[in-house]
């Protein structure tokens, strides 16, 4: 029920605080726990992250004062906040909090509650903003799928991808929202436009911030490559840039570390391109591909884990079935 790996990273002093905090809840049954400094709030956040049971998360958060809980929620990412609505039992606080989140997050909260708690769903769906409408049993945002709407959505996603303050989780939530709100034709048109617009930005991968933008884009577009397999062809122009960046890395271990950060679909695209070496006539290009393949294979022979190894095994199985 508790991921001890997360707690092992705590210092001795922080471990003592965590033990006392849990003792106050589960042994002494102290309610309205409060007066925590920022460091202590962060430890409580780590405790909640380490707990796999929603029932236990519910117990812990119910023993914390409302004022303290709101401070704690400021540490949550969007996915953790959505989950919070499913396990926290007190509706008044949830209603007030629901009014403060953006319509896209409201939509995802309602979808989660429609599947897990219809009572909460019913209560919260009555206070959604005017931009949200009911379709069947699920609340969705109204969309026009017009040219202007597609353009505005594209600009919003590109801004998110280039914003260093936002994470992969934020772009993943944006992708889920689009999947829920758009009909299949509008979704295809929008995702195609986003790919084209991202490629036109010609963002380098020469530093960590730019590489992070590429990662956010790839994690955003990943679910759409499953719906629309031809999207991978639209992404082919990225391959030379990614492969060239791998040549600057010192060895196979570093190459695998970088590749393992990338969604599996793109790892497979890169590996397939490298494996096409037999069809390449350019000597310099063959030399680069051969060196990268050799380093990757040598590393995988020693380290049979990670997305790179998994992606490579999938390719091999596919070749065997052809």
C-alpha atoms as a PDB file:
ATOM      1  CA  UNK A   1       0.000   0.000   0.000  1.00  0.00           C
ATOM      2  CA  UNK A   2       2.992   2.312   0.494  1.00  0.00           C
ATOM      3  CA  UNK A   3       5.817   2.744  -2.011  1.00  0.00           C
ATOM      4  CA  UNK A   4       8.806   2.554   0.340  1.00  0.00           C
ATOM      5  CA  UNK A   5      11.207   3.614  -2.422  1.00  0.00           C
ATOM      6  CA  UNK A   6       9.892   7.191  -2.255  1.00  0.00           C
ATOM      7  CA  UNK A   7      10.180   7.276   1.537  1.00  0.00           C
ATOM      8  CA  UNK A   8      13.735   5.903   1.469  1.00  0.00           C
ATOM      9  CA  UNK A   9      14.860   9.164  -0.124  1.00  0.00           C
ATOM     10  CA  UNK A  10      13.860  11.096   3.007  1.00  0.00           C
ATOM     11  CA  UNK A  11      16.542  12.235   5.403  1.00  0.00           C
ATOM     12  CA  UNK A  12      16.549  10.947   8.976  1.00  0.00           C
ATOM     13  CA  UNK A  13      14.927  14.149  10.218  1.00  0.00           C
ATOM     14  CA  UNK A  14      12.255  14.017   7.523  1.00  0.00           C
ATOM     15  CA  UNK A  15      11.616  10.326   8.208  1.00  0.00           C
ATOM     16  CA  UNK A  16      10.977  11.133  11.875  1.00  0.00           C
ATOM     17  CA  UNK A  17       8.468  13.825  10.867  1.00  0.00           C
ATOM     18  CA  UNK A  18       6.735  11.393   8.469  1.00  0.00           C
ATOM     19  CA  UNK A  19       6.507   8.733  11.190  1.00  0.00           C
ATOM     20  CA  UNK A  20       5.034  11.216  13.706  1.00  0.00           C
ATOM     21  CA  UNK A  21       2.580  12.555  11.141  1.00  0.00           C
ATOM     22  CA  UNK A  22       1.264   9.065  10.361  1.00  0.00           C
ATOM     23  CA  UNK A  23       1.193   8.186  14.067  1.00  0.00           C
ATOM     24  CA  UNK A  24      -0.921  11.281  14.804  1.00  0.00           C
ATOM     25  CA  UNK A  25      -3.441  10.067  12.217  1.00  0.00           C
ATOM     26  CA  UNK A  26      -3.564   6.296  12.605  1.00  0.00           C
ATOM     27  CA  UNK A  27      -2.729   5.941  16.313  1.00  0.00           C
ATOM     28  CA  UNK A  28      -3.785   9.140  18.070  1.00  0.00           C
ATOM     29  CA  UNK A  29      -6.630  10.052  15.632  1.00  0.00           C
ATOM     30  CA  UNK A  30      -5.780  13.761  15.715  1.00  0.00           C
ATOM     31  CA  UNK A  31      -8.045  15.783  13.428  1.00  0.00           C
ATOM     32  CA  UNK A  32      -7.447  19.206  11.834  1.00  0.00           C
ATOM     33  CA  UNK A  33      -3.680  18.763  11.625  1.00  0.00           C
ATOM     34  CA  UNK A  34      -2.147  22.096  10.659  1.00  0.00           C
ATOM     35  CA  UNK A  35       0.695  24.594  11.175  1.00  0.00           C
ATOM     36  CA  UNK A  36       3.090  22.857   8.797  1.00  0.00           C
ATOM     37  CA  UNK A  37       5.882  24.760   7.113  1.00  0.00           C
ATOM     38  CA  UNK A  38       6.597  24.382   3.385  1.00  0.00           C
ATOM     39  CA  UNK A  39       9.223  21.691   3.986  1.00  0.00           C
ATOM     40  CA  UNK A  40       6.797  19.640   6.069  1.00  0.00           C
ATOM     41  CA  UNK A  41       4.030  20.076   3.482  1.00  0.00           C
ATOM     42  CA  UNK A  42       6.379  18.686   0.871  1.00  0.00           C
ATOM     43  CA  UNK A  43       7.011  15.604   3.062  1.00  0.00           C
ATOM     44  CA  UNK A  44       3.243  15.081   3.430  1.00  0.00           C
ATOM     45  CA  UNK A  45       2.964  15.344  -0.353  1.00  0.00           C
ATOM     46  CA  UNK A  46       5.650  12.652  -0.729  1.00  0.00           C
ATOM     47  CA  UNK A  47       3.743  10.452   1.736  1.00  0.00           C
ATOM     48  CA  UNK A  48       0.564  10.792  -0.342  1.00  0.00           C
ATOM     49  CA  UNK A  49       2.481   9.976  -3.533  1.00  0.00           C
ATOM     50  CA  UNK A  50       3.857   6.851  -1.879  1.00  0.00           C
ATOM     51  CA  UNK A  51       0.375   5.591  -0.958  1.00  0.00           C
ATOM     52  CA  UNK A  52      -1.251   3.417  -3.635  1.00  0.00           C
ATOM     53  CA  UNK A  53      -4.610   2.963  -1.890  1.00  0.00           C
ATOM     54  CA  UNK A  54      -7.237   5.657  -2.511  1.00  0.00           C
ATOM     55  CA  UNK A  55      -8.870   4.677   0.793  1.00  0.00           C
ATOM     56  CA  UNK A  56      -5.682   5.497   2.686  1.00  0.00           C
ATOM     57  CA  UNK A  57      -5.231   8.741   0.736  1.00  0.00           C
ATOM     58  CA  UNK A  58      -8.779   9.652   1.752  1.00  0.00           C
ATOM     59  CA  UNK A  59      -8.081   8.965   5.440  1.00  0.00           C
ATOM     60  CA  UNK A  60      -4.862  10.987   5.455  1.00  0.00           C
ATOM     61  CA  UNK A  61      -6.369  14.031   3.724  1.00  0.00           C
ATOM     62  CA  UNK A  62      -9.451  13.983   5.977  1.00  0.00           C
ATOM     63  CA  UNK A  63      -7.266  14.396   9.082  1.00  0.00           C
ATOM     64  CA  UNK A  64      -5.670  17.557   7.653  1.00  0.00           C
ATOM     65  CA  UNK A  65      -7.300  20.931   8.236  1.00  0.00           C
ATOM     66  CA  UNK A  66      -9.067  22.495   5.216  1.00  0.00           C
ATOM     67  CA  UNK A  67      -6.695  25.456   5.132  1.00  0.00           C
ATOM     68  CA  UNK A  68      -3.648  23.177   5.200  1.00  0.00           C
ATOM     69  CA  UNK A  69      -5.178  20.860   2.619  1.00  0.00           C
ATOM     70  CA  UNK A  70      -5.615  23.712   0.142  1.00  0.00           C
ATOM     71  CA  UNK A  71      -1.932  24.577   0.548  1.00  0.00           C
ATOM     72  CA  UNK A  72      -1.047  20.932   0.009  1.00  0.00           C
ATOM     73  CA  UNK A  73      -3.124  20.783  -3.174  1.00  0.00           C
ATOM     74  CA  UNK A  74      -0.975  23.530  -4.687  1.00  0.00           C
ATOM     75  CA  UNK A  75       1.800  20.892  -4.924  1.00  0.00           C
ATOM     76  CA  UNK A  76      -0.396  18.477  -6.904  1.00  0.00           C
ATOM     77  CA  UNK A  77       0.003  18.143 -10.646  1.00  0.00           C
ATOM     78  CA  UNK A  78      -3.158  18.064 -12.757  1.00  0.00           C
ATOM     79  CA  UNK A  79      -3.486  14.283 -12.815  1.00  0.00           C
ATOM     80  CA  UNK A  80      -3.102  14.087  -9.026  1.00  0.00           C
ATOM     81  CA  UNK A  81      -5.729  16.806  -8.638  1.00  0.00           C
ATOM     82  CA  UNK A  82      -8.189  14.896 -10.836  1.00  0.00           C
ATOM     83  CA  UNK A  83      -7.616  11.777  -8.739  1.00  0.00           C
ATOM     84  CA  UNK A  84      -8.115  13.814  -5.531  1.00  0.00           C
ATOM     85  CA  UNK A  85     -11.717  14.502  -6.569  1.00  0.00           C
ATOM     86  CA  UNK A  86     -12.362  10.758  -6.727  1.00  0.00           C
ATOM     87  CA  UNK A  87     -11.126   9.874  -3.222  1.00  0.00           C
ATOM     88  CA  UNK A  88     -11.725  12.974  -1.074  1.00  0.00           C
ATOM     89  CA  UNK A  89     -15.214  12.618   0.480  1.00  0.00           C
ATOM     90  CA  UNK A  90     -16.248  16.137   1.550  1.00  0.00           C
ATOM     91  CA  UNK A  91     -18.359  17.779  -1.163  1.00  0.00           C
ATOM     92  CA  UNK A  92     -18.296  21.424   0.056  1.00  0.00           C
ATOM     93  CA  UNK A  93     -14.534  21.655  -0.373  1.00  0.00           C
ATOM     94  CA  UNK A  94     -14.682  19.800  -3.700  1.00  0.00           C
ATOM     95  CA  UNK A  95     -17.356  22.182  -4.996  1.00  0.00           C
ATOM     96  CA  UNK A  96     -15.328  25.268  -4.093  1.00  0.00           C
ATOM     97  CA  UNK A  97     -12.192  23.776  -5.600  1.00  0.00           C
ATOM     98  CA  UNK A  98     -14.051  22.662  -8.749  1.00  0.00           C
ATOM     99  CA  UNK A  99     -15.147  26.241  -9.443  1.00  0.00           C
ATOM    100  CA  UNK A 100     -11.494  27.365  -9.461  1.00  0.00           C
ATOM    101  CA  UNK A 101     -10.092  24.868 -11.966  1.00  0.00           C
ATOM    102  CA  UNK A 102     -10.122  25.484 -15.717  1.00  0.00           C
ATOM    103  CA  UNK A 103     -12.875  24.046 -17.970  1.00  0.00           C
ATOM    104  CA  UNK A 104     -10.524  21.441 -19.534  1.00  0.00           C
ATOM    105  CA  UNK A 105      -9.682  20.091 -16.069  1.00  0.00           C
ATOM    106  CA  UNK A 106     -13.367  20.238 -15.078  1.00  0.00           C
ATOM    107  CA  UNK A 107     -14.144  18.058 -18.082  1.00  0.00           C
ATOM    108  CA  UNK A 108     -11.576  15.429 -17.074  1.00  0.00           C
ATOM    109  CA  UNK A 109     -12.722  15.502 -13.430  1.00  0.00           C
ATOM    110  CA  UNK A 110     -16.310  14.869 -14.511  1.00  0.00           C
ATOM    111  CA  UNK A 111     -15.272  12.040 -16.800  1.00  0.00           C
ATOM    112  CA  UNK A 112     -13.352  10.410 -13.929  1.00  0.00           C
ATOM    113  CA  UNK A 113     -16.288  10.839 -11.523  1.00  0.00           C
ATOM    114  CA  UNK A 114     -18.812   9.568 -14.051  1.00  0.00           C
ATOM    115  CA  UNK A 115     -16.904   6.287 -13.977  1.00  0.00           C
ATOM    116  CA  UNK A 116     -16.109   6.169 -10.247  1.00  0.00           C
ATOM    117  CA  UNK A 117     -18.673   8.188  -8.245  1.00  0.00           C
ATOM    118  CA  UNK A 118     -22.011   9.189  -9.797  1.00  0.00           C
ATOM    119  CA  UNK A 119     -23.102  11.101  -6.680  1.00  0.00           C
ATOM    120  CA  UNK A 120     -20.124  13.460  -6.894  1.00  0.00           C
ATOM    121  CA  UNK A 121     -20.557  13.631 -10.659  1.00  0.00           C
ATOM    122  CA  UNK A 122     -24.181  14.712 -10.272  1.00  0.00           C
ATOM    123  CA  UNK A 123     -23.320  17.356  -7.652  1.00  0.00           C
ATOM    124  CA  UNK A 124     -20.397  18.888  -9.565  1.00  0.00           C
ATOM    125  CA  UNK A 125     -21.965  18.780 -13.026  1.00  0.00           C
ATOM    126  CA  UNK A 126     -24.570  21.312 -11.901  1.00  0.00           C
ATOM    127  CA  UNK A 127     -21.925  23.997 -11.317  1.00  0.00           C
ATOM    128  CA  UNK A 128     -19.866  23.724 -14.517  1.00  0.00           C
ATOM    129  CA  UNK A 129     -19.137  26.818 -16.551  1.00  0.00           C
ATOM    130  CA  UNK A 130     -21.259  27.776 -19.555  1.00  0.00           C
ATOM    131  CA  UNK A 131     -18.643  26.480 -21.997  1.00  0.00           C
ATOM    132  CA  UNK A 132     -19.416  22.909 -20.954  1.00  0.00           C
ATOM    133  CA  UNK A 133     -22.391  20.971 -22.244  1.00  0.00           C
ATOM    134  CA  UNK A 134     -23.875  17.519 -21.626  1.00  0.00           C
ATOM    135  CA  UNK A 135     -23.614  14.848 -24.305  1.00  0.00           C
ATOM    136  CA  UNK A 136     -25.109  11.570 -23.188  1.00  0.00           C
ATOM    137  CA  UNK A 137     -23.904  11.034 -19.644  1.00  0.00           C
ATOM    138  CA  UNK A 138     -20.618  12.911 -19.972  1.00  0.00           C
ATOM    139  CA  UNK A 139     -19.928  16.634 -19.784  1.00  0.00           C
ATOM    140  CA  UNK A 140     -17.913  18.009 -22.697  1.00  0.00           C
ATOM    141  CA  UNK A 141     -16.863  21.407 -23.926  1.00  0.00           C
ATOM    142  CA  UNK A 142     -18.717  22.766 -26.924  1.00  0.00           C
ATOM    143  CA  UNK A 143     -16.552  22.715 -30.037  1.00  0.00           C
ATOM    144  CA  UNK A 144     -17.209  24.141 -33.480  1.00  0.00           C
ATOM    145  CA  UNK A 145     -14.297  22.411 -35.291  1.00  0.00           C
ATOM    146  CA  UNK A 146     -14.179  25.544 -37.443  1.00  0.00           C
ATOM    147  CA  UNK A 147     -10.990  26.790 -39.058  1.00  0.00           C
ATOM    148  CA  UNK A 148     -10.708  29.461 -36.360  1.00  0.00           C
ATOM    149  CA  UNK A 149     -11.235  26.874 -33.610  1.00  0.00           C
ATOM    150  CA  UNK A 150      -8.547  24.589 -35.066  1.00  0.00           C
ATOM    151  CA  UNK A 151      -6.147  27.531 -35.312  1.00  0.00           C
ATOM    152  CA  UNK A 152      -6.806  28.678 -31.745  1.00  0.00           C
ATOM    153  CA  UNK A 153      -6.406  25.144 -30.385  1.00  0.00           C
ATOM    154  CA  UNK A 154      -3.157  24.686 -32.343  1.00  0.00           C
ATOM    155  CA  UNK A 155      -1.705  27.930 -30.994  1.00  0.00           C
ATOM    156  CA  UNK A 156      -2.704  26.938 -27.453  1.00  0.00           C
ATOM    157  CA  UNK A 157      -0.977  23.543 -27.736  1.00  0.00           C
ATOM    158  CA  UNK A 158       2.182  25.037 -29.271  1.00  0.00           C
ATOM    159  CA  UNK A 159       2.343  27.635 -26.480  1.00  0.00           C
ATOM    160  CA  UNK A 160       2.034  24.830 -23.938  1.00  0.00           C
ATOM    161  CA  UNK A 161       4.796  22.823 -25.633  1.00  0.00           C
ATOM    162  CA  UNK A 162       7.170  25.799 -25.594  1.00  0.00           C
ATOM    163  CA  UNK A 163       6.335  26.940 -22.051  1.00  0.00           C
ATOM    164  CA  UNK A 164       9.203  25.738 -19.789  1.00  0.00           C
ATOM    165  CA  UNK A 165       6.945  25.874 -16.720  1.00  0.00           C
ATOM    166  CA  UNK A 166       4.615  23.187 -18.061  1.00  0.00           C
ATOM    167  CA  UNK A 167       5.246  19.436 -17.942  1.00  0.00           C
ATOM    168  CA  UNK A 168       4.572  16.300 -19.979  1.00  0.00           C
ATOM    169  CA  UNK A 169       1.523  15.725 -17.777  1.00  0.00           C
ATOM    170  CA  UNK A 170       0.045  19.057 -18.867  1.00  0.00           C
ATOM    171  CA  UNK A 171       0.412  18.166 -22.546  1.00  0.00           C
ATOM    172  CA  UNK A 172      -0.959  14.667 -21.868  1.00  0.00           C
ATOM    173  CA  UNK A 173      -4.045  16.222 -20.280  1.00  0.00           C
ATOM    174  CA  UNK A 174      -4.454  18.511 -23.300  1.00  0.00           C
ATOM    175  CA  UNK A 175      -4.326  15.463 -25.585  1.00  0.00           C
ATOM    176  CA  UNK A 176      -6.952  13.648 -23.499  1.00  0.00           C
ATOM    177  CA  UNK A 177      -9.211  16.708 -23.562  1.00  0.00           C
ATOM    178  CA  UNK A 178      -9.009  16.883 -27.351  1.00  0.00           C
ATOM    179  CA  UNK A 179      -9.760  13.155 -27.636  1.00  0.00           C
ATOM    180  CA  UNK A 180     -12.883  13.619 -25.519  1.00  0.00           C
ATOM    181  CA  UNK A 181     -14.119  16.848 -27.069  1.00  0.00           C
ATOM    182  CA  UNK A 182     -13.589  16.397 -30.804  1.00  0.00           C
ATOM    183  CA  UNK A 183     -15.299  14.173 -33.311  1.00  0.00           C
ATOM    184  CA  UNK A 184     -12.907  11.897 -35.193  1.00  0.00           C
ATOM    185  CA  UNK A 185     -12.680  14.145 -38.283  1.00  0.00           C
ATOM    186  CA  UNK A 186     -11.996  17.255 -36.222  1.00  0.00           C
ATOM    187  CA  UNK A 187      -9.452  15.382 -34.114  1.00  0.00           C
ATOM    188  CA  UNK A 188      -7.617  14.168 -37.227  1.00  0.00           C
ATOM    189  CA  UNK A 189      -7.567  17.658 -38.755  1.00  0.00           C
ATOM    190  CA  UNK A 190      -6.411  19.272 -35.513  1.00  0.00           C
ATOM    191  CA  UNK A 191      -3.633  16.769 -34.771  1.00  0.00           C
ATOM    192  CA  UNK A 192      -2.406  16.997 -38.376  1.00  0.00           C
ATOM    193  CA  UNK A 193      -2.319  20.802 -38.128  1.00  0.00           C
ATOM    194  CA  UNK A 194      -0.415  20.651 -34.826  1.00  0.00           C
ATOM    195  CA  UNK A 195       2.208  18.327 -36.341  1.00  0.00           C
ATOM    196  CA  UNK A 196       2.671  20.601 -39.357  1.00  0.00           C
ATOM    197  CA  UNK A 197       2.862  23.715 -37.179  1.00  0.00           C
ATOM    198  CA  UNK A 198       5.374  22.136 -34.782  1.00  0.00           C
ATOM    199  CA  UNK A 199       7.618  21.060 -37.661  1.00  0.00           C
ATOM    200  CA  UNK A 200       7.514  24.590 -39.091  1.00  0.00           C
ATOM    201  CA  UNK A 201       8.908  25.927 -35.801  1.00  0.00           C
ATOM    202  CA  UNK A 202      12.098  23.952 -36.548  1.00  0.00           C
ATOM    203  CA  UNK A 203      12.998  23.738 -32.859  1.00  0.00           C
ATOM    204  CA  UNK A 204      16.533  22.503 -32.291  1.00  0.00           C
ATOM    205  CA  UNK A 205      17.466  19.769 -29.816  1.00  0.00           C
ATOM    206  CA  UNK A 206      20.779  21.417 -28.982  1.00  0.00           C
ATOM    207  CA  UNK A 207      19.981  22.141 -25.333  1.00  0.00           C
ATOM    208  CA  UNK A 208      17.880  20.727 -22.516  1.00  0.00           C
ATOM    209  CA  UNK A 209      15.060  23.288 -22.776  1.00  0.00           C
ATOM    210  CA  UNK A 210      14.566  22.669 -26.500  1.00  0.00           C
ATOM    211  CA  UNK A 211      14.805  18.902 -26.037  1.00  0.00           C
ATOM    212  CA  UNK A 212      12.127  19.231 -23.345  1.00  0.00           C
ATOM    213  CA  UNK A 213       9.858  20.980 -25.868  1.00  0.00           C
ATOM    214  CA  UNK A 214      10.318  18.061 -28.258  1.00  0.00           C
ATOM    215  CA  UNK A 215       9.474  15.594 -25.488  1.00  0.00           C
ATOM    216  CA  UNK A 216       6.285  17.470 -24.616  1.00  0.00           C
ATOM    217  CA  UNK A 217       5.281  17.499 -28.280  1.00  0.00           C
ATOM    218  CA  UNK A 218       5.962  13.771 -28.681  1.00  0.00           C
ATOM    219  CA  UNK A 219       4.003  12.846 -25.548  1.00  0.00           C
ATOM    220  CA  UNK A 220       1.151  15.082 -26.709  1.00  0.00           C
ATOM    221  CA  UNK A 221       0.986  13.553 -30.188  1.00  0.00           C
ATOM    222  CA  UNK A 222       1.549   9.940 -29.062  1.00  0.00           C
ATOM    223  CA  UNK A 223      -2.161   8.985 -28.563  1.00  0.00           C
ATOM    224  CA  UNK A 224      -3.008  10.416 -31.984  1.00  0.00           C
ATOM    225  CA  UNK A 225      -0.405   8.222 -33.706  1.00  0.00           C
ATOM    226  CA  UNK A 226      -2.383   5.241 -32.391  1.00  0.00           C
ATOM    227  CA  UNK A 227      -5.663   6.601 -33.760  1.00  0.00           C
ATOM    228  CA  UNK A 228      -4.119   7.781 -37.027  1.00  0.00           C
ATOM    229  CA  UNK A 229      -1.110   5.571 -37.912  1.00  0.00           C
ATOM    230  CA  UNK A 230      -0.256   7.687 -40.972  1.00  0.00           C
ATOM    231  CA  UNK A 231       0.744  10.473 -38.549  1.00  0.00           C
ATOM    232  CA  UNK A 232       4.081   8.703 -38.090  1.00  0.00           C
ATOM    233  CA  UNK A 233       4.861   9.464 -41.750  1.00  0.00           C
ATOM    234  CA  UNK A 234       4.197  13.151 -41.075  1.00  0.00           C
ATOM    235  CA  UNK A 235       6.781  12.956 -38.274  1.00  0.00           C
ATOM    236  CA  UNK A 236       9.542  11.511 -40.510  1.00  0.00           C
ATOM    237  CA  UNK A 237      11.212  14.951 -40.927  1.00  0.00           C
ATOM    238  CA  UNK A 238      12.169  14.793 -37.230  1.00  0.00           C
ATOM    239  CA  UNK A 239      14.266  11.643 -37.653  1.00  0.00           C
ATOM    240  CA  UNK A 240      17.442  13.224 -39.127  1.00  0.00           C
ATOM    241  CA  UNK A 241      17.459  15.783 -36.320  1.00  0.00           C
ATOM    242  CA  UNK A 242      17.048  13.147 -33.600  1.00  0.00           C
ATOM    243  CA  UNK A 243      19.579  10.749 -35.105  1.00  0.00           C
ATOM    244  CA  UNK A 244      22.139  13.510 -35.536  1.00  0.00           C
ATOM    245  CA  UNK A 245      21.734  14.493 -31.875  1.00  0.00           C
ATOM    246  CA  UNK A 246      22.432  10.879 -30.831  1.00  0.00           C
ATOM    247  CA  UNK A 247      25.812  10.942 -32.593  1.00  0.00           C
ATOM    248  CA  UNK A 248      27.001  13.557 -30.087  1.00  0.00           C
ATOM    249  CA  UNK A 249      26.529  11.155 -27.161  1.00  0.00           C
ATOM    250  CA  UNK A 250      29.584   9.298 -25.816  1.00  0.00           C
ATOM    251  CA  UNK A 251      28.332   5.684 -25.807  1.00  0.00           C
ATOM    252  CA  UNK A 252      25.399   3.278 -25.971  1.00  0.00           C
ATOM    253  CA  UNK A 253      24.471   3.807 -22.335  1.00  0.00           C
ATOM    254  CA  UNK A 254      23.954   7.525 -22.910  1.00  0.00           C
ATOM    255  CA  UNK A 255      22.072   6.879 -26.147  1.00  0.00           C
ATOM    256  CA  UNK A 256      19.708   4.533 -24.297  1.00  0.00           C
ATOM    257  CA  UNK A 257      19.241   7.079 -21.487  1.00  0.00           C
ATOM    258  CA  UNK A 258      18.108   9.691 -24.009  1.00  0.00           C
ATOM    259  CA  UNK A 259      15.938   7.304 -26.030  1.00  0.00           C
ATOM    260  CA  UNK A 260      14.270   5.949 -22.889  1.00  0.00           C
ATOM    261  CA  UNK A 261      12.827   9.414 -22.254  1.00  0.00           C
ATOM    262  CA  UNK A 262      11.029   9.369 -25.606  1.00  0.00           C
ATOM    263  CA  UNK A 263       7.617   7.738 -26.254  1.00  0.00           C
ATOM    264  CA  UNK A 264       7.948   4.195 -27.583  1.00  0.00           C
ATOM    265  CA  UNK A 265       6.417   5.006 -30.979  1.00  0.00           C
ATOM    266  CA  UNK A 266       9.255   7.454 -31.727  1.00  0.00           C
ATOM    267  CA  UNK A 267      11.940   5.094 -30.386  1.00  0.00           C
ATOM    268  CA  UNK A 268      10.615   2.531 -32.867  1.00  0.00           C
ATOM    269  CA  UNK A 269      10.685   5.072 -35.685  1.00  0.00           C
ATOM    270  CA  UNK A 270      14.331   5.906 -34.904  1.00  0.00           C
ATOM    271  CA  UNK A 271      15.344   2.245 -34.622  1.00  0.00           C
ATOM    272  CA  UNK A 272      13.565   1.332 -37.866  1.00  0.00           C
ATOM    273  CA  UNK A 273      15.379   4.143 -39.629  1.00  0.00           C
ATOM    274  CA  UNK A 274      18.730   2.915 -38.300  1.00  0.00           C
ATOM    275  CA  UNK A 275      17.857  -0.653 -39.289  1.00  0.00           C
ATOM    276  CA  UNK A 276      17.232   0.494 -42.865  1.00  0.00           C
ATOM    277  CA  UNK A 277      21.017   0.743 -43.238  1.00  0.00           C
ATOM    278  CA  UNK A 278      21.087  -1.912 -45.979  1.00  0.00           C
ATOM    279  CA  UNK A 279      19.101   0.334 -48.306  1.00  0.00           C
ATOM    280  CA  UNK A 280      21.326   3.396 -47.760  1.00  0.00           C
ATOM    281  CA  UNK A 281      23.891   4.176 -50.449  1.00  0.00           C
ATOM    282  CA  UNK A 282      25.444   7.292 -48.890  1.00  0.00           C
ATOM    283  CA  UNK A 283      28.715   6.125 -47.269  1.00  0.00           C
ATOM    284  CA  UNK A 284      28.832   8.740 -44.485  1.00  0.00           C
ATOM    285  CA  UNK A 285      25.221   8.104 -43.542  1.00  0.00           C
ATOM    286  CA  UNK A 286      25.783   4.320 -43.469  1.00  0.00           C
ATOM    287  CA  UNK A 287      28.801   4.870 -41.231  1.00  0.00           C
ATOM    288  CA  UNK A 288      26.765   6.954 -38.756  1.00  0.00           C
ATOM    289  CA  UNK A 289      23.879   4.460 -38.713  1.00  0.00           C
ATOM    290  CA  UNK A 290      26.235   1.512 -38.291  1.00  0.00           C
ATOM    291  CA  UNK A 291      28.027   3.116 -35.329  1.00  0.00           C
ATOM    292  CA  UNK A 292      24.778   4.038 -33.561  1.00  0.00           C
ATOM    293  CA  UNK A 293      23.261   0.594 -34.095  1.00  0.00           C
ATOM    294  CA  UNK A 294      26.384  -1.109 -32.812  1.00  0.00           C
ATOM    295  CA  UNK A 295      26.463   1.010 -29.640  1.00  0.00           C
ATOM    296  CA  UNK A 296      22.739   0.533 -28.988  1.00  0.00           C
ATOM    297  CA  UNK A 297      22.925  -3.246 -29.505  1.00  0.00           C
ATOM    298  CA  UNK A 298      26.016  -3.557 -27.302  1.00  0.00           C
ATOM    299  CA  UNK A 299      24.245  -1.696 -24.511  1.00  0.00           C
ATOM    300  CA  UNK A 300      21.048  -3.766 -24.871  1.00  0.00           C
ATOM    301  CA  UNK A 301      23.048  -6.982 -24.657  1.00  0.00           C
ATOM    302  CA  UNK A 302      24.062  -5.903 -21.136  1.00  0.00           C
ATOM    303  CA  UNK A 303      20.961  -3.973 -20.056  1.00  0.00           C
ATOM    304  CA  UNK A 304      17.788  -5.805 -21.094  1.00  0.00           C
ATOM    305  CA  UNK A 305      15.377  -3.219 -19.687  1.00  0.00           C
ATOM    306  CA  UNK A 306      13.921   0.142 -20.631  1.00  0.00           C
ATOM    307  CA  UNK A 307      11.753   1.416 -23.456  1.00  0.00           C
ATOM    308  CA  UNK A 308      14.578   1.142 -26.001  1.00  0.00           C
ATOM    309  CA  UNK A 309      15.002  -2.577 -25.366  1.00  0.00           C
ATOM    310  CA  UNK A 310      11.215  -3.079 -25.385  1.00  0.00           C
ATOM    311  CA  UNK A 311      10.813  -1.138 -28.658  1.00  0.00           C
ATOM    312  CA  UNK A 312      13.618  -3.098 -30.299  1.00  0.00           C
ATOM    313  CA  UNK A 313      12.084  -6.428 -29.256  1.00  0.00           C
ATOM    314  CA  UNK A 314       8.730  -5.338 -30.704  1.00  0.00           C
ATOM    315  CA  UNK A 315      10.414  -4.567 -34.032  1.00  0.00           C
ATOM    316  CA  UNK A 316      12.139  -7.974 -34.067  1.00  0.00           C
ATOM    317  CA  UNK A 317       8.849  -9.766 -33.317  1.00  0.00           C
ATOM    318  CA  UNK A 318       7.177  -7.827 -36.115  1.00  0.00           C
ATOM    319  CA  UNK A 319       9.905  -8.849 -38.565  1.00  0.00           C
ATOM    320  CA  UNK A 320       9.524 -12.500 -37.548  1.00  0.00           C
ATOM    321  CA  UNK A 321       5.773 -12.374 -38.193  1.00  0.00           C
ATOM    322  CA  UNK A 322       6.180 -10.849 -41.678  1.00  0.00           C
END
